[in-house]
N, C-alpha and C. Protein backbone atom coordinates (compact mmCIF):
# COMPACT_ATOMS: atom_id res chain seq x y z
N MET A 1 47.92 106.52 31.31
CA MET A 1 48.76 105.48 30.74
C MET A 1 48.90 105.68 29.23
N LEU A 2 47.80 106.06 28.57
CA LEU A 2 47.82 106.29 27.13
C LEU A 2 48.74 107.46 26.79
N ALA A 3 48.70 108.50 27.63
CA ALA A 3 49.57 109.66 27.40
C ALA A 3 51.04 109.25 27.52
N GLY A 4 51.36 108.39 28.49
CA GLY A 4 52.73 107.91 28.65
C GLY A 4 53.18 107.12 27.44
N LEU A 5 52.30 106.30 26.88
CA LEU A 5 52.62 105.52 25.69
C LEU A 5 52.87 106.44 24.50
N CYS A 6 52.06 107.49 24.36
CA CYS A 6 52.25 108.46 23.27
C CYS A 6 53.60 109.16 23.39
N LEU A 7 53.97 109.56 24.63
CA LEU A 7 55.26 110.20 24.83
C LEU A 7 56.40 109.27 24.49
N LEU A 8 56.27 107.99 24.88
CA LEU A 8 57.31 107.02 24.57
C LEU A 8 57.46 106.86 23.06
N CYS A 9 56.35 106.79 22.33
CA CYS A 9 56.39 106.67 20.86
C CYS A 9 57.02 107.91 20.22
N MET A 10 56.67 109.09 20.72
CA MET A 10 57.22 110.33 20.16
C MET A 10 58.73 110.38 20.41
N SER A 11 59.20 109.91 21.56
CA SER A 11 60.63 109.89 21.85
C SER A 11 61.35 108.96 20.89
N ALA A 12 60.75 107.82 20.59
CA ALA A 12 61.36 106.87 19.66
C ALA A 12 61.46 107.47 18.27
N VAL A 13 60.44 108.20 17.85
CA VAL A 13 60.46 108.84 16.53
C VAL A 13 61.56 109.90 16.48
N ASP A 14 61.69 110.71 17.54
CA ASP A 14 62.72 111.75 17.59
C ASP A 14 64.11 111.13 17.55
N ALA A 15 64.33 110.02 18.25
CA ALA A 15 65.64 109.37 18.24
C ALA A 15 65.97 108.86 16.85
N GLY A 16 64.99 108.33 16.14
CA GLY A 16 65.21 107.86 14.77
C GLY A 16 65.48 109.01 13.83
N ALA A 17 64.85 110.15 14.06
CA ALA A 17 65.04 111.31 13.19
C ALA A 17 66.45 111.85 13.29
N ALA A 18 67.09 111.70 14.47
CA ALA A 18 68.44 112.21 14.64
C ALA A 18 69.42 111.52 13.70
N ASN A 19 69.19 110.25 13.39
CA ASN A 19 70.08 109.51 12.50
C ASN A 19 69.60 109.54 11.06
N ASP A 20 68.46 110.13 10.81
CA ASP A 20 67.85 110.10 9.49
C ASP A 20 68.70 110.78 8.43
N ILE A 21 69.35 111.88 8.74
CA ILE A 21 70.18 112.58 7.74
C ILE A 21 71.29 111.66 7.25
N GLY A 22 71.86 110.86 8.12
CA GLY A 22 72.91 109.93 7.70
C GLY A 22 72.42 108.93 6.69
N SER A 23 71.22 108.39 6.91
CA SER A 23 70.69 107.40 5.95
C SER A 23 70.28 108.07 4.64
N LYS A 24 69.89 109.33 4.68
CA LYS A 24 69.51 110.04 3.46
C LYS A 24 70.70 110.36 2.57
N VAL A 25 71.86 110.60 3.16
CA VAL A 25 73.02 111.02 2.37
C VAL A 25 74.03 109.89 2.16
N LYS A 26 73.74 108.72 2.70
CA LYS A 26 74.65 107.58 2.58
C LYS A 26 74.89 107.24 1.11
N GLY A 27 76.15 106.96 0.77
CA GLY A 27 76.50 106.60 -0.60
C GLY A 27 77.66 107.44 -1.11
N GLN A 28 77.87 107.39 -2.42
CA GLN A 28 78.96 108.14 -3.03
C GLN A 28 78.43 109.38 -3.74
N TRP A 29 79.16 110.47 -3.57
CA TRP A 29 78.75 111.77 -4.10
C TRP A 29 79.91 112.45 -4.80
N GLU A 30 79.57 113.18 -5.85
CA GLU A 30 80.51 114.10 -6.49
C GLU A 30 80.14 115.47 -5.96
N VAL A 31 81.13 116.18 -5.42
CA VAL A 31 80.88 117.49 -4.82
C VAL A 31 81.75 118.53 -5.51
N THR A 32 81.13 119.64 -5.88
CA THR A 32 81.87 120.76 -6.46
C THR A 32 81.69 121.99 -5.57
N VAL A 33 82.77 122.74 -5.44
CA VAL A 33 82.76 124.00 -4.68
C VAL A 33 83.23 125.06 -5.67
N PRO A 34 82.30 125.62 -6.47
CA PRO A 34 82.68 126.51 -7.58
C PRO A 34 83.49 127.74 -7.18
N ASP A 35 83.28 128.26 -5.98
CA ASP A 35 83.96 129.49 -5.58
C ASP A 35 85.28 129.25 -4.85
N ALA A 36 85.69 127.98 -4.71
CA ALA A 36 86.95 127.66 -4.04
C ALA A 36 88.13 127.92 -4.98
N PRO A 37 89.33 128.06 -4.43
CA PRO A 37 90.51 128.25 -5.28
C PRO A 37 90.75 127.01 -6.16
N GLN A 38 91.43 127.22 -7.27
CA GLN A 38 91.78 126.13 -8.19
C GLN A 38 92.46 125.01 -7.39
N GLY A 39 92.11 123.77 -7.66
CA GLY A 39 92.69 122.63 -6.96
C GLY A 39 91.87 122.19 -5.76
N TYR A 40 90.88 122.99 -5.37
CA TYR A 40 90.03 122.67 -4.21
C TYR A 40 88.54 122.73 -4.58
N ARG A 41 88.23 122.53 -5.84
CA ARG A 41 86.84 122.65 -6.31
C ARG A 41 86.10 121.34 -6.47
N ASN A 42 86.82 120.24 -6.69
CA ASN A 42 86.17 118.96 -7.01
C ASN A 42 86.56 117.87 -6.02
N TYR A 43 85.54 117.19 -5.51
CA TYR A 43 85.75 116.15 -4.51
C TYR A 43 84.83 114.97 -4.78
N THR A 44 85.23 113.83 -4.25
CA THR A 44 84.37 112.65 -4.20
C THR A 44 84.21 112.30 -2.73
N LEU A 45 82.96 112.13 -2.29
CA LEU A 45 82.68 111.76 -0.92
C LEU A 45 82.07 110.38 -0.88
N ASP A 46 82.50 109.56 0.03
CA ASP A 46 81.90 108.26 0.29
C ASP A 46 81.37 108.33 1.71
N ILE A 47 80.05 108.43 1.84
CA ILE A 47 79.41 108.62 3.14
C ILE A 47 78.88 107.27 3.63
N LYS A 48 79.32 106.89 4.84
CA LYS A 48 78.96 105.59 5.40
C LYS A 48 78.46 105.77 6.83
N LEU A 49 77.69 104.80 7.28
CA LEU A 49 77.30 104.72 8.68
C LEU A 49 78.15 103.62 9.31
N LYS A 50 78.87 103.96 10.37
CA LYS A 50 79.75 103.00 11.03
C LYS A 50 79.49 103.06 12.52
N ASP A 51 78.94 101.98 13.07
CA ASP A 51 78.61 101.91 14.49
C ASP A 51 77.73 103.09 14.92
N GLY A 52 76.75 103.44 14.09
CA GLY A 52 75.82 104.52 14.41
C GLY A 52 76.35 105.92 14.18
N THR A 53 77.56 106.04 13.66
CA THR A 53 78.18 107.34 13.41
C THR A 53 78.38 107.52 11.91
N VAL A 54 78.18 108.72 11.42
CA VAL A 54 78.43 109.02 10.01
C VAL A 54 79.92 109.29 9.83
N VAL A 55 80.55 108.51 8.95
CA VAL A 55 81.96 108.73 8.61
C VAL A 55 82.05 108.95 7.11
N ILE A 56 82.95 109.85 6.73
CA ILE A 56 83.05 110.23 5.32
C ILE A 56 84.50 110.17 4.87
N ASP A 57 84.71 109.53 3.71
CA ASP A 57 86.00 109.57 3.03
C ASP A 57 85.93 110.70 2.02
N VAL A 58 86.91 111.59 2.04
CA VAL A 58 86.94 112.75 1.14
C VAL A 58 88.17 112.63 0.25
N LYS A 59 87.96 112.68 -1.06
CA LYS A 59 89.08 112.64 -2.01
C LYS A 59 88.98 113.83 -2.94
N GLY A 60 90.11 114.51 -3.13
CA GLY A 60 90.19 115.63 -4.05
C GLY A 60 91.60 115.66 -4.62
N GLU A 61 91.89 116.72 -5.39
CA GLU A 61 93.22 116.82 -6.00
C GLU A 61 94.34 116.77 -4.97
N ASP A 62 94.23 117.57 -3.92
CA ASP A 62 95.25 117.62 -2.88
C ASP A 62 94.73 117.17 -1.53
N VAL A 63 93.61 116.45 -1.52
CA VAL A 63 92.97 116.05 -0.27
C VAL A 63 92.66 114.56 -0.31
N ASN A 64 93.02 113.86 0.77
CA ASN A 64 92.65 112.46 0.92
C ASN A 64 92.44 112.21 2.41
N ILE A 65 91.18 112.33 2.84
CA ILE A 65 90.82 112.17 4.25
C ILE A 65 89.98 110.91 4.37
N ARG A 66 90.36 110.03 5.29
CA ARG A 66 89.63 108.77 5.47
C ARG A 66 88.90 108.75 6.81
N GLU A 67 87.67 108.28 6.75
CA GLU A 67 86.82 108.04 7.91
C GLU A 67 86.74 109.23 8.87
N GLN A 68 86.47 110.40 8.30
CA GLN A 68 86.26 111.61 9.10
C GLN A 68 84.88 111.50 9.75
N LYS A 69 84.81 111.61 11.06
CA LYS A 69 83.54 111.54 11.77
C LYS A 69 82.82 112.87 11.64
N PHE A 70 81.54 112.78 11.30
CA PHE A 70 80.67 113.95 11.25
C PHE A 70 79.65 113.84 12.37
N THR A 71 79.30 114.97 12.97
CA THR A 71 78.30 114.98 14.02
C THR A 71 76.99 115.48 13.46
N GLU A 72 75.89 114.98 14.02
CA GLU A 72 74.55 115.37 13.57
C GLU A 72 73.94 116.28 14.62
N LYS A 73 73.41 117.41 14.16
CA LYS A 73 72.70 118.33 15.05
C LYS A 73 71.68 119.09 14.21
N ASP A 74 70.47 119.12 14.69
CA ASP A 74 69.39 119.84 14.01
C ASP A 74 69.22 119.41 12.56
N GLY A 75 69.38 118.12 12.28
CA GLY A 75 69.19 117.60 10.93
C GLY A 75 70.32 117.91 9.97
N LYS A 76 71.47 118.35 10.50
CA LYS A 76 72.63 118.66 9.66
C LYS A 76 73.83 117.86 10.14
N LEU A 77 74.72 117.54 9.20
CA LEU A 77 75.98 116.90 9.53
C LEU A 77 77.08 117.95 9.44
N SER A 78 78.04 117.90 10.37
CA SER A 78 79.13 118.87 10.29
C SER A 78 80.41 118.29 10.86
N ALA A 79 81.53 118.83 10.37
CA ALA A 79 82.85 118.46 10.84
C ALA A 79 83.83 119.54 10.41
N SER A 80 84.97 119.60 11.10
CA SER A 80 86.05 120.49 10.70
C SER A 80 87.12 119.66 10.01
N LEU A 81 87.45 120.02 8.78
CA LEU A 81 88.45 119.31 7.99
C LEU A 81 89.63 120.23 7.74
N TYR A 82 90.83 119.67 7.77
CA TYR A 82 92.01 120.47 7.48
C TYR A 82 92.28 120.37 5.98
N VAL A 83 92.00 121.47 5.27
CA VAL A 83 92.11 121.51 3.81
C VAL A 83 92.82 122.80 3.40
N GLY A 84 93.81 122.67 2.55
CA GLY A 84 94.48 123.85 2.00
C GLY A 84 95.14 124.73 3.04
N GLY A 85 95.65 124.12 4.12
CA GLY A 85 96.36 124.89 5.13
C GLY A 85 95.49 125.55 6.18
N GLU A 86 94.20 125.22 6.21
CA GLU A 86 93.31 125.80 7.22
C GLU A 86 92.20 124.81 7.56
N TYR A 87 91.59 125.02 8.72
CA TYR A 87 90.43 124.21 9.09
C TYR A 87 89.19 124.79 8.44
N VAL A 88 88.43 123.91 7.81
CA VAL A 88 87.22 124.29 7.09
C VAL A 88 86.05 123.58 7.75
N LYS A 89 85.02 124.33 8.13
CA LYS A 89 83.83 123.71 8.72
C LYS A 89 82.89 123.33 7.59
N VAL A 90 82.71 122.02 7.41
CA VAL A 90 81.84 121.49 6.35
C VAL A 90 80.51 121.12 6.97
N THR A 91 79.43 121.58 6.34
CA THR A 91 78.08 121.27 6.78
C THR A 91 77.31 120.65 5.62
N ILE A 92 76.58 119.56 5.91
CA ILE A 92 75.78 118.87 4.90
C ILE A 92 74.35 118.80 5.42
N ARG A 93 73.40 119.12 4.55
CA ARG A 93 71.98 119.08 4.94
C ARG A 93 71.15 118.59 3.76
N GLU A 94 69.91 118.27 4.05
CA GLU A 94 68.98 117.84 3.01
C GLU A 94 67.76 118.74 3.08
N GLU A 95 67.39 119.31 1.94
CA GLU A 95 66.22 120.19 1.86
C GLU A 95 65.33 119.73 0.73
N LYS A 96 64.14 119.29 1.06
CA LYS A 96 63.14 118.87 0.06
C LYS A 96 63.71 117.84 -0.91
N GLY A 97 64.44 116.86 -0.36
CA GLY A 97 64.98 115.79 -1.19
C GLY A 97 66.28 116.12 -1.90
N VAL A 98 66.83 117.32 -1.69
CA VAL A 98 68.07 117.73 -2.34
C VAL A 98 69.17 117.88 -1.28
N VAL A 99 70.31 117.23 -1.50
CA VAL A 99 71.44 117.34 -0.57
C VAL A 99 72.23 118.59 -0.94
N LYS A 100 72.51 119.41 0.07
CA LYS A 100 73.25 120.65 -0.10
C LYS A 100 74.32 120.73 0.96
N GLY A 101 75.28 121.61 0.75
CA GLY A 101 76.32 121.78 1.74
C GLY A 101 76.98 123.12 1.64
N SER A 102 77.85 123.37 2.62
CA SER A 102 78.62 124.60 2.62
C SER A 102 79.95 124.34 3.32
N ALA A 103 80.92 125.19 2.99
CA ALA A 103 82.24 125.10 3.60
C ALA A 103 82.59 126.48 4.17
N GLY A 104 82.73 126.54 5.48
CA GLY A 104 83.11 127.78 6.14
C GLY A 104 84.62 127.93 6.12
N THR A 105 85.12 128.90 5.34
CA THR A 105 86.55 129.08 5.15
C THR A 105 86.96 130.50 5.50
N SER A 106 88.24 130.79 5.42
CA SER A 106 88.73 132.16 5.64
C SER A 106 88.23 133.10 4.54
N MET A 107 87.79 132.52 3.40
CA MET A 107 87.24 133.32 2.30
C MET A 107 85.75 133.59 2.49
N GLY A 108 85.16 133.00 3.52
CA GLY A 108 83.73 133.12 3.77
C GLY A 108 83.05 131.77 3.58
N GLU A 109 81.74 131.80 3.55
CA GLU A 109 80.92 130.59 3.39
C GLU A 109 80.81 130.26 1.91
N LEU A 110 81.29 129.08 1.52
CA LEU A 110 81.27 128.66 0.12
C LEU A 110 80.23 127.56 -0.08
N PRO A 111 79.29 127.72 -1.01
CA PRO A 111 78.30 126.68 -1.26
C PRO A 111 78.93 125.46 -1.92
N CYS A 112 78.41 124.29 -1.58
CA CYS A 112 78.88 123.02 -2.15
C CYS A 112 77.72 122.36 -2.88
N ASN A 113 77.96 121.92 -4.11
CA ASN A 113 76.95 121.25 -4.92
C ASN A 113 77.17 119.75 -4.88
N PHE A 114 76.12 119.00 -4.55
CA PHE A 114 76.20 117.55 -4.43
C PHE A 114 75.48 116.88 -5.59
N LYS A 115 76.11 115.84 -6.15
CA LYS A 115 75.50 115.03 -7.19
C LYS A 115 75.74 113.56 -6.83
N LYS A 116 74.66 112.81 -6.65
CA LYS A 116 74.76 111.40 -6.26
C LYS A 116 75.35 110.59 -7.41
N LEU A 117 76.35 109.76 -7.09
CA LEU A 117 76.93 108.88 -8.09
C LEU A 117 76.17 107.56 -8.07
N THR A 118 75.90 107.01 -9.23
CA THR A 118 75.19 105.74 -9.30
C THR A 118 76.15 104.60 -9.04
N GLU A 119 75.65 103.59 -8.35
CA GLU A 119 76.47 102.44 -8.04
C GLU A 119 76.56 101.55 -9.28
N LYS A 120 77.75 101.08 -9.56
CA LYS A 120 77.96 100.20 -10.71
C LYS A 120 77.72 98.77 -10.29
N LYS A 121 76.93 98.07 -11.05
CA LYS A 121 76.61 96.68 -10.77
C LYS A 121 77.75 95.79 -11.23
N GLY A 122 78.01 94.72 -10.48
CA GLY A 122 79.04 93.76 -10.84
C GLY A 122 78.63 92.97 -12.07
N LYS A 123 79.60 92.36 -12.72
CA LYS A 123 79.32 91.59 -13.95
C LYS A 123 78.69 90.27 -13.62
């Protein structure tokens, strides 16, 4: 009976861990993709949890994507976004407290730099 209880507890921890990346990256971020073509290097991401799913608003010079659903697998978030005339596979992960990402494009894998934006307090 004790072994069954331990297995039940371990399952609950694993289920919580699956959503953990979403809670770690929730908020507003400034993202730069230094190796991307001009006009596709700077973005603002607003990462939210909506009904247990991670949704992200992406804003850039020529990009405005609202409520893009990201899927979680192996502690990473990923989605395919249509940017600059092609589908780009965006992956977001957290390593040792640092949020990192990459964009899989026709030019190859481009690293993405994340910087958390501070929330402004109301007056």
